[in-house]
């Protein structure tokens, strides 16, 4: 197989008229151009997505590709992806973890990801399953998840080593969350010459991939890997611990979350290891796709708008009320787009149902997850029709319309590694109300700071603290001049991927340089 042709030297040379800033930019591009990255992930938006990981898996490699890194995505060949790329061609076959697998090659050509190479991993019936990539129809984990994602991790490690059948060899193996975290352990325990340097990104430390010791030989790991400084974690085989133990760099998705996970309160039992490896840990704030999430061009909206045309936002509020069945009245609309889990703090909203109804405000909710929370939100909508409206499920278009049509956006998460919806909300001039944690604390500044505030921040995560913040927000909403000033400050924030790409490239370059010097 031939690797993709690189851009010629002439294309990246500084012209005689280039200023110093231009020279620095060209130097960055030239350096990035030489970097080859295999980005391994278990989901990829818009085809397979359960949360923010799918969005990041799509947007970050696209931004790196645009910055001229030679990056390729490796992802399971789920039915939705095979349907989206019917012309994917076989590249190589492997036998891993007792299964025969096939690597397919395709190219993403949409949005900012024009020409981005994609590897799809077929594994018999491992990934030929509709719906959630991790859960069966009963809502429980697929019983063979360890071997499914063990196969993905094993192939990732093979492609990053000298035994790879491909001519293209990465300098960096970038893994994401527990589903790919066994790859650095394979690199360590089954080493091959010229193996790529490894990076693992923690998108959510709460999900760790814990399995029985008996699976160790099936996963093709040696018995001596079963150790406190190996893959063992309180009597279980932990995919995530393996990645944190053996990756050469660890990143997570916001600076505050990087600090939080080193504490016993939020370290999910891995805080000791993370403190031990703190010199390898970096918090890099996620970005968002600013082309997809742009109220001036969003095709899902009733009316486009921007910071200079805020009056047009009212048309989106009116359209949202009609769509959701909310009454046409002079009340602020609070939006929620979320998974229904304890992490997201939606039980705090439920506890405030009567107070929200009496305040009064309207509520537009989209999401699914915990069946009890789904039932309670549906009951709220029945008890206060026209004031509370709930849609169970996920609807990408409606998510955009809630961001645009709501006056305020609620994110009372108990913990939030990064969060994307608060960034969407800021971009759409819909000030978020957030608990001060993780990426929410890194992106939302309380309106009490009049010159730079862009939303509302509360702590601790209790109903009282949340309702006090909502009351402050509603009071400010009633002051049109101050409210619009807050909206415009929110819409000025830059949440593109540019800064994150530079930070990741710096880490990649440092790892490659260290390899070259050893």
Protein backbone atom coordinates (compact mmCIF):
# COMPACT_ATOMS: atom_id res chain seq x y z
CA UNK A 1 0.00 0.00 0.00
CA UNK A 2 1.29 3.46 -0.85
CA UNK A 3 1.07 6.25 1.73
CA UNK A 4 -0.69 9.45 0.78
CA UNK A 5 1.61 11.87 -1.08
CA UNK A 6 2.86 14.67 1.14
CA UNK A 7 2.69 18.32 0.24
CA UNK A 8 5.79 19.43 -1.59
CA UNK A 9 8.48 21.49 0.04
CA UNK A 10 7.67 24.39 -2.30
CA UNK A 11 4.17 24.61 -0.86
CA UNK A 12 5.45 25.25 2.63
CA UNK A 13 8.43 27.48 1.96
CA UNK A 14 8.29 31.04 3.22
CA UNK A 15 7.99 33.58 0.43
CA UNK A 16 10.23 36.65 0.39
CA UNK A 17 7.27 38.81 1.33
CA UNK A 18 6.19 36.69 4.31
CA UNK A 19 6.19 38.52 7.63
CA UNK A 20 7.44 36.93 10.85
CA UNK A 21 3.94 35.75 11.89
CA UNK A 22 3.54 34.06 8.54
CA UNK A 23 6.93 32.41 8.93
CA UNK A 24 5.94 31.03 12.33
CA UNK A 25 2.71 29.67 10.87
CA UNK A 26 4.55 28.02 7.99
CA UNK A 27 7.05 26.53 10.43
CA UNK A 28 4.15 25.05 12.41
CA UNK A 29 2.58 23.62 9.25
CA UNK A 30 5.91 22.18 8.07
CA UNK A 31 6.52 20.56 11.44
CA UNK A 32 2.98 19.23 11.67
CA UNK A 33 3.14 17.92 8.14
CA UNK A 34 5.79 15.39 9.05
CA UNK A 35 3.74 14.03 11.95
CA UNK A 36 1.82 10.82 11.25
CA UNK A 37 -0.98 10.06 13.71
CA UNK A 38 -3.26 7.05 14.07
CA UNK A 39 -6.35 8.25 15.95
CA UNK A 40 -8.21 5.26 17.42
CA UNK A 41 -11.75 5.67 18.68
CA UNK A 42 -14.90 3.62 19.29
CA UNK A 43 -17.47 6.01 17.78
CA UNK A 44 -17.56 8.67 15.10
CA UNK A 45 -20.21 11.34 14.57
CA UNK A 46 -22.50 11.73 12.77
CA UNK A 47 -22.71 8.01 12.03
CA UNK A 48 -22.17 6.43 15.46
CA UNK A 49 -22.52 8.66 18.50
CA UNK A 50 -23.53 8.18 22.14
CA UNK A 51 -22.20 11.48 23.48
CA UNK A 52 -19.41 14.01 23.21
CA UNK A 53 -16.79 11.39 22.33
CA UNK A 54 -18.36 10.89 18.90
CA UNK A 55 -18.33 14.62 18.22
CA UNK A 56 -14.70 15.00 19.29
CA UNK A 57 -13.68 11.95 17.25
CA UNK A 58 -15.07 13.66 14.18
CA UNK A 59 -14.02 17.27 14.78
CA UNK A 60 -10.52 16.98 16.26
CA UNK A 61 -8.99 14.77 13.53
CA UNK A 62 -10.66 17.00 10.91
CA UNK A 63 -9.01 20.05 12.48
CA UNK A 64 -5.66 18.25 12.62
CA UNK A 65 -6.06 17.21 8.99
CA UNK A 66 -6.74 20.84 8.07
CA UNK A 67 -3.53 21.78 9.94
CA UNK A 68 -1.65 19.37 7.64
CA UNK A 69 -1.00 16.54 10.08
CA UNK A 70 -1.04 13.15 8.34
CA UNK A 71 -3.81 11.75 10.54
CA UNK A 72 -5.95 8.66 10.00
CA UNK A 73 -8.91 7.45 12.04
CA UNK A 74 -9.34 3.81 13.05
CA UNK A 75 -12.89 2.91 14.13
CA UNK A 76 -15.01 -0.27 14.20
CA UNK A 77 -16.96 -1.02 11.02
CA UNK A 78 -20.41 -0.55 12.51
CA UNK A 79 -23.38 -0.98 10.12
CA UNK A 80 -23.93 2.79 9.91
CA UNK A 81 -20.32 3.37 8.87
CA UNK A 82 -20.32 0.53 6.33
CA UNK A 83 -23.49 2.00 4.84
CA UNK A 84 -21.92 5.47 4.73
CA UNK A 85 -18.77 4.16 3.03
CA UNK A 86 -19.94 1.36 0.72
CA UNK A 87 -16.82 1.65 -1.44
CA UNK A 88 -14.41 0.93 1.43
CA UNK A 89 -11.71 -1.42 0.15
CA UNK A 90 -9.89 -4.22 2.04
CA UNK A 91 -6.31 -3.41 3.03
CA UNK A 92 -5.17 -6.20 5.31
CA UNK A 93 -6.29 -9.14 7.43
CA UNK A 94 -5.27 -10.07 10.96
CA UNK A 95 -5.88 -12.78 13.52
CA UNK A 96 -6.24 -11.15 16.93
CA UNK A 97 -7.81 -12.23 20.24
CA UNK A 98 -8.99 -15.42 18.56
CA UNK A 99 -10.85 -13.62 15.78
CA UNK A 100 -10.15 -12.94 12.13
CA UNK A 101 -10.46 -9.26 11.33
CA UNK A 102 -10.21 -7.18 8.16
CA UNK A 103 -9.06 -3.59 7.80
CA UNK A 104 -10.96 -1.50 5.24
CA UNK A 105 -9.85 1.82 3.77
CA UNK A 106 -12.14 4.77 3.03
CA UNK A 107 -11.98 8.55 2.84
CA UNK A 108 -14.18 11.09 4.60
CA UNK A 109 -15.24 13.89 2.27
CA UNK A 110 -17.63 16.11 4.15
CA UNK A 111 -17.41 19.44 5.93
CA UNK A 112 -13.92 20.29 7.12
CA UNK A 113 -12.83 16.66 6.81
CA UNK A 114 -12.30 16.64 3.05
CA UNK A 115 -9.84 13.87 2.15
CA UNK A 116 -9.44 12.55 5.71
CA UNK A 117 -8.35 8.86 5.59
CA UNK A 118 -10.50 6.40 7.50
CA UNK A 119 -9.80 2.80 8.52
CA UNK A 120 -12.80 0.61 9.32
CA UNK A 121 -12.22 -2.59 11.32
CA UNK A 122 -14.40 -5.58 10.45
CA UNK A 123 -14.44 -8.33 13.06
CA UNK A 124 -16.96 -11.01 12.10
CA UNK A 125 -20.14 -10.16 13.97
CA UNK A 126 -18.28 -8.11 16.61
CA UNK A 127 -19.52 -4.78 15.31
CA UNK A 128 -22.34 -5.86 12.98
CA UNK A 129 -24.93 -4.76 15.52
CA UNK A 130 -27.47 -1.99 15.19
CA UNK A 131 -28.06 0.67 17.82
CA UNK A 132 -25.80 1.61 20.69
CA UNK A 133 -22.23 0.38 20.07
CA UNK A 134 -21.79 -0.79 23.66
CA UNK A 135 -25.24 -1.96 24.78
CA UNK A 136 -27.60 -4.68 23.63
CA UNK A 137 -31.36 -4.27 23.14
CA UNK A 138 -31.82 -5.04 26.86
CA UNK A 139 -29.80 -1.94 27.79
CA UNK A 140 -26.97 -4.03 29.23
CA UNK A 141 -23.36 -4.23 28.04
CA UNK A 142 -22.73 -6.68 25.25
CA UNK A 143 -21.18 -9.71 27.04
CA UNK A 144 -18.24 -9.82 24.59
CA UNK A 145 -17.29 -6.13 24.86
CA UNK A 146 -13.86 -7.02 26.24
CA UNK A 147 -12.98 -9.05 23.15
CA UNK A 148 -14.66 -6.62 20.73
CA UNK A 149 -12.64 -3.66 21.94
CA UNK A 150 -9.64 -5.82 22.76
CA UNK A 151 -9.54 -6.58 19.02
CA UNK A 152 -9.72 -2.87 18.21
CA UNK A 153 -6.89 -2.10 20.63
CA UNK A 154 -4.75 -5.01 19.40
CA UNK A 155 -5.06 -3.94 15.75
CA UNK A 156 -4.23 -0.35 16.71
CA UNK A 157 -1.02 -1.53 18.39
CA UNK A 158 -0.14 -3.69 15.36
CA UNK A 159 -0.61 -0.79 12.95
CA UNK A 160 1.64 1.31 15.18
CA UNK A 161 4.50 -1.19 15.11
CA UNK A 162 7.03 -2.65 12.71
CA UNK A 163 4.85 -5.73 12.11
CA UNK A 164 2.19 -3.63 10.41
CA UNK A 165 1.38 -4.81 6.87
CA UNK A 166 0.79 -1.20 5.81
CA UNK A 167 3.45 1.01 4.28
CA UNK A 168 2.09 3.96 6.26
CA UNK A 169 3.42 3.85 9.84
CA UNK A 170 2.33 6.38 12.45
CA UNK A 171 4.66 8.33 14.70
CA UNK A 172 1.88 8.70 17.26
CA UNK A 173 -0.81 6.27 18.40
CA UNK A 174 -3.61 8.39 19.89
CA UNK A 175 -6.14 6.34 21.90
CA UNK A 176 -9.43 7.53 23.36
CA UNK A 177 -11.19 6.24 26.49
CA UNK A 178 -11.31 2.66 27.74
CA UNK A 179 -12.41 1.07 24.46
CA UNK A 180 -8.98 1.69 22.92
CA UNK A 181 -6.88 1.93 26.08
CA UNK A 182 -5.48 -1.58 25.91
CA UNK A 183 -3.37 -0.61 22.88
CA UNK A 184 -0.52 0.97 24.92
CA UNK A 185 -0.46 -2.16 27.09
CA UNK A 186 -0.07 -4.30 23.97
CA UNK A 187 2.78 -2.02 22.92
CA UNK A 188 4.44 -2.55 26.30
CA UNK A 189 3.92 -6.28 26.77
CA UNK A 190 4.20 -7.30 23.11
CA UNK A 191 6.80 -4.80 21.90
CA UNK A 192 7.89 -4.37 18.31
CA UNK A 193 10.68 -2.21 16.93
CA UNK A 194 9.93 1.34 15.83
CA UNK A 195 6.57 1.34 17.63
CA UNK A 196 4.77 4.69 17.67
CA UNK A 197 4.67 6.80 20.81
CA UNK A 198 1.32 6.52 22.59
CA UNK A 199 -1.14 9.12 23.85
CA UNK A 200 -4.41 8.42 25.62
CA UNK A 201 -7.19 10.95 26.08
CA UNK A 202 -9.63 10.56 28.97
CA UNK A 203 -13.04 11.78 27.87
CA UNK A 204 -14.78 10.42 30.97
CA UNK A 205 -12.91 8.66 33.78
CA UNK A 206 -16.13 7.10 35.07
CA UNK A 207 -16.09 4.48 32.30
CA UNK A 208 -13.11 2.18 32.81
CA UNK A 209 -13.70 -1.14 31.02
CA UNK A 210 -13.49 -3.60 33.91
CA UNK A 211 -13.39 -7.34 33.15
CA UNK A 212 -12.53 -10.68 34.72
CA UNK A 213 -8.95 -11.87 35.17
CA UNK A 214 -9.86 -15.01 33.20
CA UNK A 215 -9.98 -12.95 29.99
CA UNK A 216 -6.25 -12.14 30.16
CA UNK A 217 -5.09 -15.03 27.89
CA UNK A 218 -8.00 -14.51 25.46
CA UNK A 219 -6.85 -10.92 25.12
CA UNK A 220 -3.35 -12.22 24.33
CA UNK A 221 -1.76 -10.55 27.32
CA UNK A 222 0.93 -12.36 29.36
CA UNK A 223 0.23 -13.43 32.92
CA UNK A 224 2.85 -11.05 34.29
CA UNK A 225 0.67 -8.16 33.06
CA UNK A 226 -1.59 -9.02 36.00
CA UNK A 227 0.11 -6.74 38.51
CA UNK A 228 -0.57 -3.58 40.47
CA UNK A 229 1.67 -1.68 38.05
CA UNK A 230 0.05 -3.46 35.11
CA UNK A 231 -3.55 -4.06 34.07
CA UNK A 232 -4.93 -5.30 37.41
CA UNK A 233 -7.32 -3.02 39.26
CA UNK A 234 -8.95 -4.24 42.49
CA UNK A 235 -9.24 -7.78 41.16
CA UNK A 236 -10.38 -6.77 37.69
CA UNK A 237 -8.64 -6.30 34.37
CA UNK A 238 -8.99 -2.58 33.63
CA UNK A 239 -8.63 -1.38 30.06
CA UNK A 240 -8.41 2.26 31.14
CA UNK A 241 -5.84 1.65 33.86
CA UNK A 242 -3.71 -0.19 31.31
CA UNK A 243 -3.75 2.85 29.06
CA UNK A 244 -3.00 5.27 31.90
CA UNK A 245 -0.16 3.03 33.10
CA UNK A 246 1.60 2.58 29.77
CA UNK A 247 0.81 5.60 27.58
CA UNK A 248 3.67 8.01 27.18
CA UNK A 249 1.32 10.98 27.48
CA UNK A 250 -2.11 11.35 29.07
CA UNK A 251 -4.51 14.11 28.12
CA UNK A 252 -7.99 14.95 29.20
CA UNK A 253 -10.55 17.33 27.84
CA UNK A 254 -10.24 20.39 30.08
CA UNK A 255 -7.62 21.85 32.45
CA UNK A 256 -9.95 21.82 35.46
CA UNK A 257 -10.91 18.17 34.90
CA UNK A 258 -7.21 17.29 34.76
CA UNK A 259 -6.88 18.67 38.29
CA UNK A 260 -10.15 17.16 39.57
CA UNK A 261 -9.31 13.58 38.56
CA UNK A 262 -6.17 13.70 40.68
CA UNK A 263 -8.33 14.02 43.81
CA UNK A 264 -9.90 11.17 45.76
CA UNK A 265 -13.33 12.79 45.35
CA UNK A 266 -13.29 12.68 41.54
CA UNK A 267 -10.48 10.29 40.65
CA UNK A 268 -12.78 7.24 40.42
CA UNK A 269 -10.16 5.15 42.22
CA UNK A 270 -7.43 6.07 39.72
CA UNK A 271 -6.35 9.33 41.36
CA UNK A 272 -3.23 7.75 42.88
CA UNK A 273 -2.00 6.58 39.48
CA UNK A 274 -2.84 9.94 37.90
CA UNK A 275 -0.98 11.83 40.64
CA UNK A 276 1.97 9.47 40.12
CA UNK A 277 1.94 10.32 36.40
CA UNK A 278 1.02 13.99 36.79
CA UNK A 279 4.08 15.03 34.76
CA UNK A 280 2.53 13.15 31.80
CA UNK A 281 -0.99 14.58 32.27
CA UNK A 282 -2.28 17.62 30.37
CA UNK A 283 -5.75 19.14 30.28
CA UNK A 284 -6.63 20.40 26.79
CA UNK A 285 -10.01 22.04 26.35
CA UNK A 286 -12.11 20.57 23.56
CA UNK A 287 -13.38 22.78 20.79
CA UNK A 288 -16.57 22.60 18.75
CA UNK A 289 -17.29 22.50 15.05
CA UNK A 290 -17.87 26.21 14.48
CA UNK A 291 -19.15 25.60 10.96
CA UNK A 292 -21.82 23.14 12.09
CA UNK A 293 -22.73 25.19 15.17
CA UNK A 294 -23.18 28.67 13.75
CA UNK A 295 -26.50 30.50 14.27
CA UNK A 296 -25.83 32.68 11.22
CA UNK A 297 -25.81 29.68 8.85
CA UNK A 298 -27.52 26.87 10.77
CA UNK A 299 -29.97 25.17 8.35
CA UNK A 300 -32.07 23.78 11.22
CA UNK A 301 -33.18 27.21 12.48
CA UNK A 302 -36.32 29.17 11.73
CA UNK A 303 -34.26 32.35 11.29
CA UNK A 304 -30.48 32.94 11.12
CA UNK A 305 -28.96 35.47 13.51
CA UNK A 306 -25.67 36.64 14.98
CA UNK A 307 -24.43 39.05 17.65
CA UNK A 308 -25.38 42.02 15.49
CA UNK A 309 -28.83 40.61 14.65
CA UNK A 310 -30.03 39.35 18.03
CA UNK A 311 -33.62 40.38 17.33
CA UNK A 312 -33.91 37.44 14.93
CA UNK A 313 -33.35 35.04 17.84
CA UNK A 314 -36.96 35.76 18.90
CA UNK A 315 -38.25 34.00 15.78
CA UNK A 316 -36.45 30.84 16.87
CA UNK A 317 -37.99 31.07 20.32
CA UNK A 318 -41.45 31.38 18.81
CA UNK A 319 -40.84 28.43 16.47
CA UNK A 320 -39.51 26.29 19.34
CA UNK A 321 -42.61 26.99 21.39
CA UNK A 322 -44.82 25.84 18.55
CA UNK A 323 -42.73 22.71 17.94
CA UNK A 324 -42.62 21.73 21.61
CA UNK A 325 -46.19 22.72 22.48
CA UNK A 326 -45.24 25.53 24.85
CA UNK A 327 -47.62 28.41 25.45
CA UNK A 328 -46.99 31.73 23.70
CA UNK A 329 -46.34 33.88 26.75
CA UNK A 330 -43.79 36.37 28.02
CA UNK A 331 -41.68 33.92 30.01
CA UNK A 332 -38.06 32.87 29.66
CA UNK A 333 -37.51 29.43 28.13
CA UNK A 334 -34.92 27.19 29.79
CA UNK A 335 -33.46 24.52 27.49
CA UNK A 336 -31.97 21.11 28.32
CA UNK A 337 -30.34 18.70 25.85
CA UNK A 338 -28.78 15.87 27.78
CA UNK A 339 -28.38 12.23 28.59
CA UNK A 340 -30.57 11.40 31.59
CA UNK A 341 -28.00 10.23 34.12
CA UNK A 342 -27.04 11.08 37.69
CA UNK A 343 -23.83 12.64 36.37
CA UNK A 344 -25.82 15.28 34.48
CA UNK A 345 -27.58 16.49 37.64
CA UNK A 346 -31.05 16.39 36.13
CA UNK A 347 -32.45 15.11 39.41
CA UNK A 348 -31.72 18.64 40.71
CA UNK A 349 -34.08 20.02 38.07
CA UNK A 350 -36.73 17.45 38.96
CA UNK A 351 -36.48 18.46 42.63
CA UNK A 352 -37.25 22.05 41.61
CA UNK A 353 -40.29 21.32 39.42
CA UNK A 354 -42.81 23.20 41.58
CA UNK A 355 -40.47 26.14 42.14
CA UNK A 356 -39.74 26.45 38.41
CA UNK A 357 -43.45 26.34 37.65
CA UNK A 358 -44.12 29.06 40.20
CA UNK A 359 -41.17 31.30 39.25
CA UNK A 360 -42.47 31.08 36.47
CA UNK A 361 -40.34 29.79 33.59
CA UNK A 362 -40.89 27.44 30.68
CA UNK A 363 -38.81 24.31 30.14
CA UNK A 364 -37.91 22.60 26.83
CA UNK A 365 -36.20 19.23 27.40
CA UNK A 366 -34.65 16.77 24.94
CA UNK A 367 -32.87 13.61 26.00
CA UNK A 368 -33.05 10.02 27.16
CA UNK A 369 -31.35 7.53 29.43
CA UNK A 370 -32.43 6.62 32.95
CA UNK A 371 -36.00 5.33 32.63
CA UNK A 372 -37.10 6.75 35.99
CA UNK A 373 -35.92 10.24 34.99
CA UNK A 374 -37.68 9.86 31.65
CA UNK A 375 -40.92 9.03 33.46
CA UNK A 376 -40.57 11.94 35.89
CA UNK A 377 -39.92 14.47 33.13
CA UNK A 378 -42.91 13.15 31.20
CA UNK A 379 -45.02 13.52 34.35
CA UNK A 380 -43.83 17.11 34.75
CA UNK A 381 -44.95 17.86 31.20
CA UNK A 382 -48.36 16.33 31.97
CA UNK A 383 -48.77 18.28 35.22
CA UNK A 384 -47.77 21.61 33.67
CA UNK A 385 -48.82 21.44 30.02
CA UNK A 386 -47.78 24.42 27.95
CA UNK A 387 -45.12 25.27 30.52
CA UNK A 388 -42.92 22.16 30.55
CA UNK A 389 -42.32 20.18 27.35
CA UNK A 390 -40.28 16.99 27.00
CA UNK A 391 -39.08 14.94 24.04
CA UNK A 392 -37.61 11.54 24.91
CA UNK A 393 -34.91 10.44 22.47
CA UNK A 394 -32.29 12.27 20.46
CA UNK A 395 -32.93 14.60 17.55
CA UNK A 396 -29.94 16.52 16.16
CA UNK A 397 -32.09 19.15 14.45
CA UNK A 398 -34.19 19.76 17.56
CA UNK A 399 -31.00 20.04 19.64
CA UNK A 400 -29.93 22.94 17.41
CA UNK A 401 -33.36 24.56 17.68
CA UNK A 402 -33.36 24.34 21.49
CA UNK A 403 -29.93 25.97 21.61
CA UNK A 404 -31.22 28.80 19.41
CA UNK A 405 -34.75 29.14 20.77
CA UNK A 406 -34.13 28.93 24.51
CA UNK A 407 -33.23 32.01 26.54
CA UNK A 408 -31.10 30.02 28.99
CA UNK A 409 -29.50 26.58 28.91
CA UNK A 410 -29.32 24.32 31.98
CA UNK A 411 -26.23 22.13 32.64
CA UNK A 412 -26.26 21.24 36.34
CA UNK A 413 -23.78 18.35 35.91
CA UNK A 414 -22.23 16.94 39.07
CA UNK A 415 -19.06 16.46 37.02
CA UNK A 416 -18.39 17.29 33.40
CA UNK A 417 -14.98 16.47 31.87
CA UNK A 418 -15.47 19.12 29.19
CA UNK A 419 -19.02 19.54 27.99
CA UNK A 420 -19.97 20.77 24.55
CA UNK A 421 -23.50 22.08 25.00
CA UNK A 422 -22.38 25.02 27.11
CA UNK A 423 -20.10 26.05 24.22
CA UNK A 424 -22.94 25.65 21.73
CA UNK A 425 -25.12 27.76 24.03
CA UNK A 426 -22.55 30.53 24.31
CA UNK A 427 -22.13 30.60 20.54
CA UNK A 428 -25.91 30.82 20.12
CA UNK A 429 -26.33 33.67 22.63
CA UNK A 430 -28.15 31.41 25.07
CA UNK A 431 -26.33 31.96 28.39
CA UNK A 432 -25.78 28.65 30.21
CA UNK A 433 -26.42 27.95 33.87
CA UNK A 434 -23.73 25.48 35.00
CA UNK A 435 -22.26 23.83 38.03
CA UNK A 436 -18.64 24.90 38.55
CA UNK A 437 -16.88 21.71 37.50
CA UNK A 438 -14.53 20.48 34.76
CA UNK A 439 -14.89 22.14 31.39
CA UNK A 440 -17.96 24.05 32.56
CA UNK A 441 -15.76 25.97 34.99
CA UNK A 442 -13.21 26.56 32.23
CA UNK A 443 -15.67 28.05 29.74
CA UNK A 444 -18.46 29.80 31.65
CA UNK A 445 -17.81 33.01 33.61
CA UNK A 446 -20.51 34.16 36.00
CA UNK A 447 -22.49 37.24 34.99
CA UNK A 448 -21.58 38.83 38.31
CA UNK A 449 -18.28 39.68 36.60
CA UNK A 450 -19.95 42.39 34.57
CA UNK A 451 -17.16 43.01 32.06
CA UNK A 452 -16.46 39.39 31.14
CA UNK A 453 -19.37 37.31 32.42
CA UNK A 454 -21.07 35.10 29.85
CA UNK A 455 -23.37 32.86 31.90
CA UNK A 456 -24.28 31.74 35.41
CA UNK A 457 -22.22 29.48 37.67
CA UNK A 458 -23.33 27.78 40.88
CA UNK A 459 -21.85 25.53 43.53
CA UNK A 460 -22.33 23.13 45.26
CA UNK A 461 -24.55 20.90 43.07
CA UNK A 462 -27.70 21.22 45.19
CA UNK A 463 -31.28 22.26 44.35
CA UNK A 464 -30.93 25.40 46.46
CA UNK A 465 -27.79 26.56 44.68
CA UNK A 466 -29.33 25.81 41.29
CA UNK A 467 -32.61 27.65 41.91
CA UNK A 468 -30.75 30.68 43.26
CA UNK A 469 -28.72 30.82 40.05
CA UNK A 470 -31.87 30.45 37.93
CA UNK A 471 -33.53 33.30 39.84
CA UNK A 472 -30.48 35.52 39.21
CA UNK A 473 -30.59 34.65 35.53
CA UNK A 474 -34.31 35.38 35.19
CA UNK A 475 -33.88 38.72 36.96
CA UNK A 476 -31.17 39.71 34.49
CA UNK A 477 -33.25 38.45 31.54
CA UNK A 478 -35.90 41.00 32.45
CA UNK A 479 -33.37 43.81 31.86
CA UNK A 480 -33.19 43.81 28.05
CA UNK A 481 -30.14 46.06 27.71
CA UNK A 482 -28.00 44.13 30.19
CA UNK A 483 -29.25 40.82 28.85
CA UNK A 484 -28.24 41.59 25.28
CA UNK A 485 -24.83 42.75 26.47
CA UNK A 486 -24.43 39.36 28.20
CA UNK A 487 -25.50 37.55 25.03
CA UNK A 488 -23.00 39.43 22.89
CA UNK A 489 -20.15 38.70 25.30
CA UNK A 490 -21.10 35.02 25.18
CA UNK A 491 -21.11 34.98 21.38
CA UNK A 492 -17.61 36.49 21.18
CA UNK A 493 -15.95 33.44 22.74
CA UNK A 494 -13.67 31.43 20.45
CA UNK A 495 -14.26 27.69 20.80
CA UNK A 496 -12.65 26.58 17.55
CA UNK A 497 -10.22 23.66 17.60
CA UNK A 498 -7.18 25.80 16.70
CA UNK A 499 -5.73 26.04 20.22
CA UNK A 500 -6.31 22.35 20.94
CA UNK A 501 -4.62 21.29 17.69
CA UNK A 502 -1.53 23.31 18.60
CA UNK A 503 -1.39 21.80 22.09
CA UNK A 504 -1.78 18.25 20.81
CA UNK A 505 0.84 18.88 18.13
CA UNK A 506 3.25 20.13 20.79
CA UNK A 507 2.76 16.89 22.73
CA UNK A 508 3.18 14.77 19.60
CA UNK A 509 6.35 16.63 18.66
CA UNK A 510 7.83 16.28 22.17
CA UNK A 511 7.16 12.53 22.19
CA UNK A 512 8.66 12.08 18.73
CA UNK A 513 11.73 14.11 19.66
CA UNK A 514 12.21 12.04 22.83
CA UNK A 515 12.01 8.86 20.74
CA UNK A 516 14.57 10.16 18.27
CA UNK A 517 16.97 11.11 21.07
CA UNK A 518 16.79 7.71 22.80
